[in-house]
Amino acid sequence: MAPLRGQAEPDRWRAVRGAFALGFSTRMLRGARVAVIDDVMTTGATLSECARVLREQGGAAQVDAIVLARQPWSVI
């Protein structure tokens, strides 16, 4: 996946679609509540795609996001 820095929001969403897959047994994820940690959230595209994969491929019941910093909307 190409670096997302400097990309416009629609390009970020396109870039992350299909970029992630689970490379391990999903048995322990099925029905679980999972937390995804991100250092800086800009558009939410990466978190959204990770959550989609965890739910659809892993069977996670709930995916929570923990974000350490948020890019201001006026900068996006």
PDB file of N, CA and C in Angstrom:
ATOM      1  N   MET A   1       0.851  -1.169   0.000  1.00  0.00           N
ATOM      2  CA  MET A   1       0.000   0.000   0.000  1.00  0.00           C
ATOM      3  C   MET A   1       0.900   1.237   0.000  1.00  0.00           C
ATOM      4  N   ALA A   2       0.567   2.195  -0.836  1.00  0.00           N
ATOM      5  CA  ALA A   2       1.323   3.448  -0.915  1.00  0.00           C
ATOM      6  C   ALA A   2       1.055   4.299   0.327  1.00  0.00           C
ATOM      7  N   PRO A   3       2.021   5.128   0.725  1.00  0.00           N
ATOM      8  CA  PRO A   3       1.786   6.023   1.865  1.00  0.00           C
ATOM      9  C   PRO A   3       0.565   6.911   1.622  1.00  0.00           C
ATOM     10  N   LEU A   4      -0.209   7.130   2.673  1.00  0.00           N
ATOM     11  CA  LEU A   4      -1.436   7.922   2.549  1.00  0.00           C
ATOM     12  C   LEU A   4      -1.208   9.407   2.772  1.00  0.00           C
ATOM     13  N   ARG A   5      -0.080   9.746   3.340  1.00  0.00           N
ATOM     14  CA  ARG A   5       0.200  11.151   3.647  1.00  0.00           C
ATOM     15  C   ARG A   5       0.099  12.003   2.381  1.00  0.00           C
ATOM     16  N   GLY A   6      -0.666  13.080   2.471  1.00  0.00           N
ATOM     17  CA  GLY A   6      -0.812  14.007   1.353  1.00  0.00           C
ATOM     18  C   GLY A   6      -1.887  13.629   0.352  1.00  0.00           C
ATOM     19  N   GLN A   7      -2.495  12.457   0.499  1.00  0.00           N
ATOM     20  CA  GLN A   7      -3.548  12.050  -0.430  1.00  0.00           C
ATOM     21  C   GLN A   7      -4.883  12.669  -0.025  1.00  0.00           C
ATOM     22  N   ALA A   8      -5.697  12.979  -1.020  1.00  0.00           N
ATOM     23  CA  ALA A   8      -7.041  13.504  -0.772  1.00  0.00           C
ATOM     24  C   ALA A   8      -7.904  12.400  -0.160  1.00  0.00           C
ATOM     25  N   GLU A   9      -8.960  12.798   0.532  1.00  0.00           N
ATOM     26  CA  GLU A   9      -9.807  11.830   1.233  1.00  0.00           C
ATOM     27  C   GLU A   9     -10.326  10.705   0.334  1.00  0.00           C
ATOM     28  N   PRO A  10     -10.905  10.994  -0.852  1.00  0.00           N
ATOM     29  CA  PRO A  10     -11.395   9.881  -1.684  1.00  0.00           C
ATOM     30  C   PRO A  10     -10.273   8.914  -2.080  1.00  0.00           C
ATOM     31  N   ASP A  11      -9.080   9.440  -2.308  1.00  0.00           N
ATOM     32  CA  ASP A  11      -7.941   8.593  -2.673  1.00  0.00           C
ATOM     33  C   ASP A  11      -7.520   7.705  -1.508  1.00  0.00           C
ATOM     34  N   ARG A  12      -7.616   8.222  -0.294  1.00  0.00           N
ATOM     35  CA  ARG A  12      -7.283   7.428   0.890  1.00  0.00           C
ATOM     36  C   ARG A  12      -8.235   6.240   1.021  1.00  0.00           C
ATOM     37  N   TRP A  13      -9.529   6.489   0.840  1.00  0.00           N
ATOM     38  CA  TRP A  13     -10.517   5.416   0.954  1.00  0.00           C
ATOM     39  C   TRP A  13     -10.272   4.348  -0.106  1.00  0.00           C
ATOM     40  N   ARG A  14      -9.950   4.764  -1.336  1.00  0.00           N
ATOM     41  CA  ARG A  14      -9.662   3.796  -2.401  1.00  0.00           C
ATOM     42  C   ARG A  14      -8.380   3.014  -2.104  1.00  0.00           C
ATOM     43  N   ALA A  15      -7.375   3.692  -1.583  1.00  0.00           N
ATOM     44  CA  ALA A  15      -6.071   3.061  -1.343  1.00  0.00           C
ATOM     45  C   ALA A  15      -6.135   1.951  -0.297  1.00  0.00           C
ATOM     46  N   VAL A  16      -6.965   2.111   0.720  1.00  0.00           N
ATOM     47  CA  VAL A  16      -6.998   1.112   1.793  1.00  0.00           C
ATOM     48  C   VAL A  16      -7.974  -0.026   1.524  1.00  0.00           C
ATOM     49  N   ARG A  17      -8.883   0.145   0.582  1.00  0.00           N
ATOM     50  CA  ARG A  17      -9.863  -0.908   0.297  1.00  0.00           C
ATOM     51  C   ARG A  17      -9.136  -2.167  -0.174  1.00  0.00           C
ATOM     52  N   GLY A  18      -9.279  -3.237   0.565  1.00  0.00           N
ATOM     53  CA  GLY A  18      -8.644  -4.501   0.217  1.00  0.00           C
ATOM     54  C   GLY A  18      -7.171  -4.593   0.597  1.00  0.00           C
ATOM     55  N   ALA A  19      -6.657  -3.601   1.313  1.00  0.00           N
ATOM     56  CA  ALA A  19      -5.229  -3.585   1.658  1.00  0.00           C
ATOM     57  C   ALA A  19      -4.892  -4.477   2.853  1.00  0.00           C
ATOM     58  N   PHE A  20      -5.889  -4.882   3.620  1.00  0.00           N
ATOM     59  CA  PHE A  20      -5.638  -5.655   4.834  1.00  0.00           C
ATOM     60  C   PHE A  20      -6.319  -7.013   4.761  1.00  0.00           C
ATOM     61  N   ALA A  21      -5.685  -8.007   5.357  1.00  0.00           N
ATOM     62  CA  ALA A  21      -6.259  -9.347   5.459  1.00  0.00           C
ATOM     63  C   ALA A  21      -5.720  -9.982   6.733  1.00  0.00           C
ATOM     64  N   LEU A  22      -6.468 -10.911   7.269  1.00  0.00           N
ATOM     65  CA  LEU A  22      -6.025 -11.611   8.470  1.00  0.00           C
ATOM     66  C   LEU A  22      -5.129 -12.772   8.059  1.00  0.00           C
ATOM     67  N   GLY A  23      -3.962 -12.848   8.656  1.00  0.00           N
ATOM     68  CA  GLY A  23      -3.012 -13.897   8.317  1.00  0.00           C
ATOM     69  C   GLY A  23      -2.850 -14.912   9.436  1.00  0.00           C
ATOM     70  N   PHE A  24      -3.906 -15.126  10.188  1.00  0.00           N
ATOM     71  CA  PHE A  24      -3.850 -16.065  11.305  1.00  0.00           C
ATOM     72  C   PHE A  24      -5.229 -16.671  11.508  1.00  0.00           C
ATOM     73  N   SER A  25      -5.292 -17.688  12.342  1.00  0.00           N
ATOM     74  CA  SER A  25      -6.567 -18.323  12.646  1.00  0.00           C
ATOM     75  C   SER A  25      -7.510 -17.306  13.279  1.00  0.00           C
ATOM     76  N   THR A  26      -8.726 -17.287  12.817  1.00  0.00           N
ATOM     77  CA  THR A  26      -9.700 -16.312  13.317  1.00  0.00           C
ATOM     78  C   THR A  26     -10.567 -16.879  14.442  1.00  0.00           C
ATOM     79  N   ARG A  27     -10.269 -18.076  14.882  1.00  0.00           N
ATOM     80  CA  ARG A  27     -11.102 -18.736  15.901  1.00  0.00           C
ATOM     81  C   ARG A  27     -11.300 -17.857  17.136  1.00  0.00           C
ATOM     82  N   MET A  28     -10.227 -17.211  17.608  1.00  0.00           N
ATOM     83  CA  MET A  28     -10.361 -16.416  18.834  1.00  0.00           C
ATOM     84  C   MET A  28     -11.041 -15.068  18.602  1.00  0.00           C
ATOM     85  N   LEU A  29     -11.224 -14.661  17.358  1.00  0.00           N
ATOM     86  CA  LEU A  29     -11.907 -13.398  17.067  1.00  0.00           C
ATOM     87  C   LEU A  29     -13.423 -13.549  16.981  1.00  0.00           C
ATOM     88  N   ARG A  30     -13.885 -14.727  16.628  1.00  0.00           N
ATOM     89  CA  ARG A  30     -15.320 -14.928  16.410  1.00  0.00           C
ATOM     90  C   ARG A  30     -16.136 -14.548  17.636  1.00  0.00           C
ATOM     91  N   GLY A  31     -17.014 -13.578  17.441  1.00  0.00           N
ATOM     92  CA  GLY A  31     -17.882 -13.121  18.518  1.00  0.00           C
ATOM     93  C   GLY A  31     -17.214 -12.216  19.537  1.00  0.00           C
ATOM     94  N   ALA A  32     -15.950 -11.886  19.314  1.00  0.00           N
ATOM     95  CA  ALA A  32     -15.190 -11.097  20.293  1.00  0.00           C
ATOM     96  C   ALA A  32     -15.348  -9.596  20.073  1.00  0.00           C
ATOM     97  N   ARG A  33     -15.017  -8.860  21.104  1.00  0.00           N
ATOM     98  CA  ARG A  33     -14.905  -7.407  21.027  1.00  0.00           C
ATOM     99  C   ARG A  33     -13.416  -7.104  20.849  1.00  0.00           C
ATOM    100  N   VAL A  34     -13.075  -6.370  19.794  1.00  0.00           N
ATOM    101  CA  VAL A  34     -11.680  -6.129  19.424  1.00  0.00           C
ATOM    102  C   VAL A  34     -11.411  -4.630  19.441  1.00  0.00           C
ATOM    103  N   ALA A  35     -10.214  -4.242  19.879  1.00  0.00           N
ATOM    104  CA  ALA A  35      -9.796  -2.838  19.851  1.00  0.00           C
ATOM    105  C   ALA A  35      -8.696  -2.667  18.811  1.00  0.00           C
ATOM    106  N   VAL A  36      -8.827  -1.631  17.996  1.00  0.00           N
ATOM    107  CA  VAL A  36      -7.806  -1.259  17.018  1.00  0.00           C
ATOM    108  C   VAL A  36      -7.223   0.068  17.486  1.00  0.00           C
ATOM    109  N   ILE A  37      -5.898   0.150  17.551  1.00  0.00           N
ATOM    110  CA  ILE A  37      -5.228   1.361  18.023  1.00  0.00           C
ATOM    111  C   ILE A  37      -4.553   2.048  16.848  1.00  0.00           C
ATOM    112  N   ASP A  38      -4.798   3.352  16.712  1.00  0.00           N
ATOM    113  CA  ASP A  38      -4.198   4.146  15.639  1.00  0.00           C
ATOM    114  C   ASP A  38      -3.519   5.355  16.268  1.00  0.00           C
ATOM    115  N   ASP A  39      -2.314   5.670  15.799  1.00  0.00           N
ATOM    116  CA  ASP A  39      -1.607   6.817  16.375  1.00  0.00           C
ATOM    117  C   ASP A  39      -2.238   8.135  15.949  1.00  0.00           C
ATOM    118  N   VAL A  40      -2.520   8.296  14.651  1.00  0.00           N
ATOM    119  CA  VAL A  40      -3.135   9.532  14.155  1.00  0.00           C
ATOM    120  C   VAL A  40      -4.255   9.168  13.188  1.00  0.00           C
ATOM    121  N   MET A  41      -5.466   9.626  13.463  1.00  0.00           N
ATOM    122  CA  MET A  41      -6.590   9.406  12.558  1.00  0.00           C
ATOM    123  C   MET A  41      -6.793  10.666  11.727  1.00  0.00           C
ATOM    124  N   THR A  42      -6.800  10.487  10.418  1.00  0.00           N
ATOM    125  CA  THR A  42      -7.027  11.626   9.530  1.00  0.00           C
ATOM    126  C   THR A  42      -8.451  11.567   8.990  1.00  0.00           C
ATOM    127  N   THR A  43      -8.728  10.625   8.097  1.00  0.00           N
ATOM    128  CA  THR A  43     -10.075  10.506   7.534  1.00  0.00           C
ATOM    129  C   THR A  43     -10.871   9.360   8.149  1.00  0.00           C
ATOM    130  N   GLY A  44     -10.173   8.429   8.790  1.00  0.00           N
ATOM    131  CA  GLY A  44     -10.834   7.249   9.336  1.00  0.00           C
ATOM    132  C   GLY A  44     -10.864   6.084   8.368  1.00  0.00           C
ATOM    133  N   ALA A  45     -10.297   6.251   7.181  1.00  0.00           N
ATOM    134  CA  ALA A  45     -10.327   5.208   6.155  1.00  0.00           C
ATOM    135  C   ALA A  45      -9.613   3.941   6.612  1.00  0.00           C
ATOM    136  N   THR A  46      -8.438   4.083   7.185  1.00  0.00           N
ATOM    137  CA  THR A  46      -7.669   2.914   7.622  1.00  0.00           C
ATOM    138  C   THR A  46      -8.390   2.186   8.750  1.00  0.00           C
ATOM    139  N   LEU A  47      -8.873   2.915   9.735  1.00  0.00           N
ATOM    140  CA  LEU A  47      -9.611   2.289  10.837  1.00  0.00           C
ATOM    141  C   LEU A  47     -10.864   1.591  10.336  1.00  0.00           C
ATOM    142  N   SER A  48     -11.567   2.227   9.434  1.00  0.00           N
ATOM    143  CA  SER A  48     -12.790   1.652   8.893  1.00  0.00           C
ATOM    144  C   SER A  48     -12.511   0.348   8.153  1.00  0.00           C
ATOM    145  N   GLU A  49     -11.455   0.332   7.351  1.00  0.00           N
ATOM    146  CA  GLU A  49     -11.115  -0.878   6.601  1.00  0.00           C
ATOM    147  C   GLU A  49     -10.644  -1.987   7.534  1.00  0.00           C
ATOM    148  N   CYS A  50      -9.859  -1.650   8.535  1.00  0.00           N
ATOM    149  CA  CYS A  50      -9.436  -2.656   9.519  1.00  0.00           C
ATOM    150  C   CYS A  50     -10.644  -3.249  10.238  1.00  0.00           C
ATOM    151  N   ALA A  51     -11.575  -2.408  10.632  1.00  0.00           N
ATOM    152  CA  ALA A  51     -12.783  -2.881  11.311  1.00  0.00           C
ATOM    153  C   ALA A  51     -13.603  -3.786  10.394  1.00  0.00           C
ATOM    154  N   ARG A  52     -13.706  -3.413   9.126  1.00  0.00           N
ATOM    155  CA  ARG A  52     -14.456  -4.237   8.164  1.00  0.00           C
ATOM    156  C   ARG A  52     -13.841  -5.628   8.061  1.00  0.00           C
ATOM    157  N   VAL A  53     -12.529  -5.696   7.935  1.00  0.00           N
ATOM    158  CA  VAL A  53     -11.840  -6.983   7.811  1.00  0.00           C
ATOM    159  C   VAL A  53     -12.011  -7.812   9.085  1.00  0.00           C
ATOM    160  N   LEU A  54     -11.868  -7.191  10.238  1.00  0.00           N
ATOM    161  CA  LEU A  54     -12.029  -7.923  11.498  1.00  0.00           C
ATOM    162  C   LEU A  54     -13.440  -8.488  11.644  1.00  0.00           C
ATOM    163  N   ARG A  55     -14.444  -7.727  11.205  1.00  0.00           N
ATOM    164  CA  ARG A  55     -15.829  -8.212  11.285  1.00  0.00           C
ATOM    165  C   ARG A  55     -16.110  -9.269  10.220  1.00  0.00           C
ATOM    166  N   GLU A  56     -15.780  -8.964   8.961  1.00  0.00           N
ATOM    167  CA  GLU A  56     -16.142  -9.862   7.859  1.00  0.00           C
ATOM    168  C   GLU A  56     -15.270 -11.109   7.791  1.00  0.00           C
ATOM    169  N   GLN A  57     -13.963 -10.975   7.931  1.00  0.00           N
ATOM    170  CA  GLN A  57     -13.067 -12.132   7.837  1.00  0.00           C
ATOM    171  C   GLN A  57     -12.872 -12.817   9.185  1.00  0.00           C
ATOM    172  N   GLY A  58     -12.846 -12.026  10.250  1.00  0.00           N
ATOM    173  CA  GLY A  58     -12.566 -12.594  11.561  1.00  0.00           C
ATOM    174  C   GLY A  58     -13.779 -12.940  12.380  1.00  0.00           C
ATOM    175  N   GLY A  59     -14.926 -12.381  12.009  1.00  0.00           N
ATOM    176  CA  GLY A  59     -16.141 -12.652  12.763  1.00  0.00           C
ATOM    177  C   GLY A  59     -16.251 -11.886  14.064  1.00  0.00           C
ATOM    178  N   ALA A  60     -15.463 -10.810  14.213  1.00  0.00           N
ATOM    179  CA  ALA A  60     -15.540 -10.000  15.433  1.00  0.00           C
ATOM    180  C   ALA A  60     -16.948  -9.425  15.582  1.00  0.00           C
ATOM    181  N   ALA A  61     -17.458  -9.458  16.791  1.00  0.00           N
ATOM    182  CA  ALA A  61     -18.796  -8.931  17.051  1.00  0.00           C
ATOM    183  C   ALA A  61     -18.792  -7.413  17.131  1.00  0.00           C
ATOM    184  N   GLN A  62     -17.704  -6.853  17.648  1.00  0.00           N
ATOM    185  CA  GLN A  62     -17.614  -5.405  17.819  1.00  0.00           C
ATOM    186  C   GLN A  62     -16.160  -4.995  17.662  1.00  0.00           C
ATOM    187  N   VAL A  63     -15.935  -3.880  16.973  1.00  0.00           N
ATOM    188  CA  VAL A  63     -14.587  -3.337  16.822  1.00  0.00           C
ATOM    189  C   VAL A  63     -14.601  -1.905  17.338  1.00  0.00           C
ATOM    190  N   ASP A  64     -13.778  -1.648  18.351  1.00  0.00           N
ATOM    191  CA  ASP A  64     -13.641  -0.309  18.921  1.00  0.00           C
ATOM    192  C   ASP A  64     -12.337   0.298  18.430  1.00  0.00           C
ATOM    193  N   ALA A  65     -12.319   1.603  18.262  1.00  0.00           N
ATOM    194  CA  ALA A  65     -11.109   2.307  17.838  1.00  0.00           C
ATOM    195  C   ALA A  65     -10.580   3.153  18.985  1.00  0.00           C
ATOM    196  N   ILE A  66      -9.281   3.062  19.190  1.00  0.00           N
ATOM    197  CA  ILE A  66      -8.588   3.910  20.159  1.00  0.00           C
ATOM    198  C   ILE A  66      -7.630   4.768  19.347  1.00  0.00           C
ATOM    199  N   VAL A  67      -7.832   6.080  19.406  1.00  0.00           N
ATOM    200  CA  VAL A  67      -7.046   7.011  18.597  1.00  0.00           C
ATOM    201  C   VAL A  67      -6.270   7.933  19.524  1.00  0.00           C
ATOM    202  N   LEU A  68      -4.972   8.057  19.284  1.00  0.00           N
ATOM    203  CA  LEU A  68      -4.132   8.896  20.133  1.00  0.00           C
ATOM    204  C   LEU A  68      -4.186  10.362  19.728  1.00  0.00           C
ATOM    205  N   ALA A  69      -4.360  10.635  18.440  1.00  0.00           N
ATOM    206  CA  ALA A  69      -4.453  12.016  17.951  1.00  0.00           C
ATOM    207  C   ALA A  69      -5.378  12.042  16.746  1.00  0.00           C
ATOM    208  N   ARG A  70      -6.044  13.165  16.555  1.00  0.00           N
ATOM    209  CA  ARG A  70      -7.004  13.331  15.456  1.00  0.00           C
ATOM    210  C   ARG A  70      -6.603  14.540  14.639  1.00  0.00           C
ATOM    211  N   GLN A  71      -6.473  14.349  13.334  1.00  0.00           N
ATOM    212  CA  GLN A  71      -6.188  15.464  12.430  1.00  0.00           C
ATOM    213  C   GLN A  71      -7.418  16.376  12.407  1.00  0.00           C
ATOM    214  N   PRO A  72      -7.257  17.681  12.573  1.00  0.00           N
ATOM    215  CA  PRO A  72      -8.417  18.585  12.533  1.00  0.00           C
ATOM    216  C   PRO A  72      -9.140  18.510  11.182  1.00  0.00           C
ATOM    217  N   TRP A  73     -10.460  18.600  11.204  1.00  0.00           N
ATOM    218  CA  TRP A  73     -11.251  18.525   9.973  1.00  0.00           C
ATOM    219  C   TRP A  73     -10.848  19.598   8.972  1.00  0.00           C
ATOM    220  N   SER A  74     -10.467  20.771   9.442  1.00  0.00           N
ATOM    221  CA  SER A  74     -10.127  21.859   8.526  1.00  0.00           C
ATOM    222  C   SER A  74      -8.873  21.565   7.710  1.00  0.00           C
ATOM    223  N   VAL A  75      -8.067  20.596   8.143  1.00  0.00           N
ATOM    224  CA  VAL A  75      -6.827  20.260   7.444  1.00  0.00           C
ATOM    225  C   VAL A  75      -7.045  19.151   6.429  1.00  0.00           C
ATOM    226  N   ILE A  76      -8.079  18.354   6.601  1.00  0.00           N
ATOM    227  CA  ILE A  76      -8.325  17.201   5.733  1.00  0.00           C
ATOM    228  C   ILE A  76      -8.772  17.654   4.360  1.00  0.00           C
TER     229      ILE A  76
END
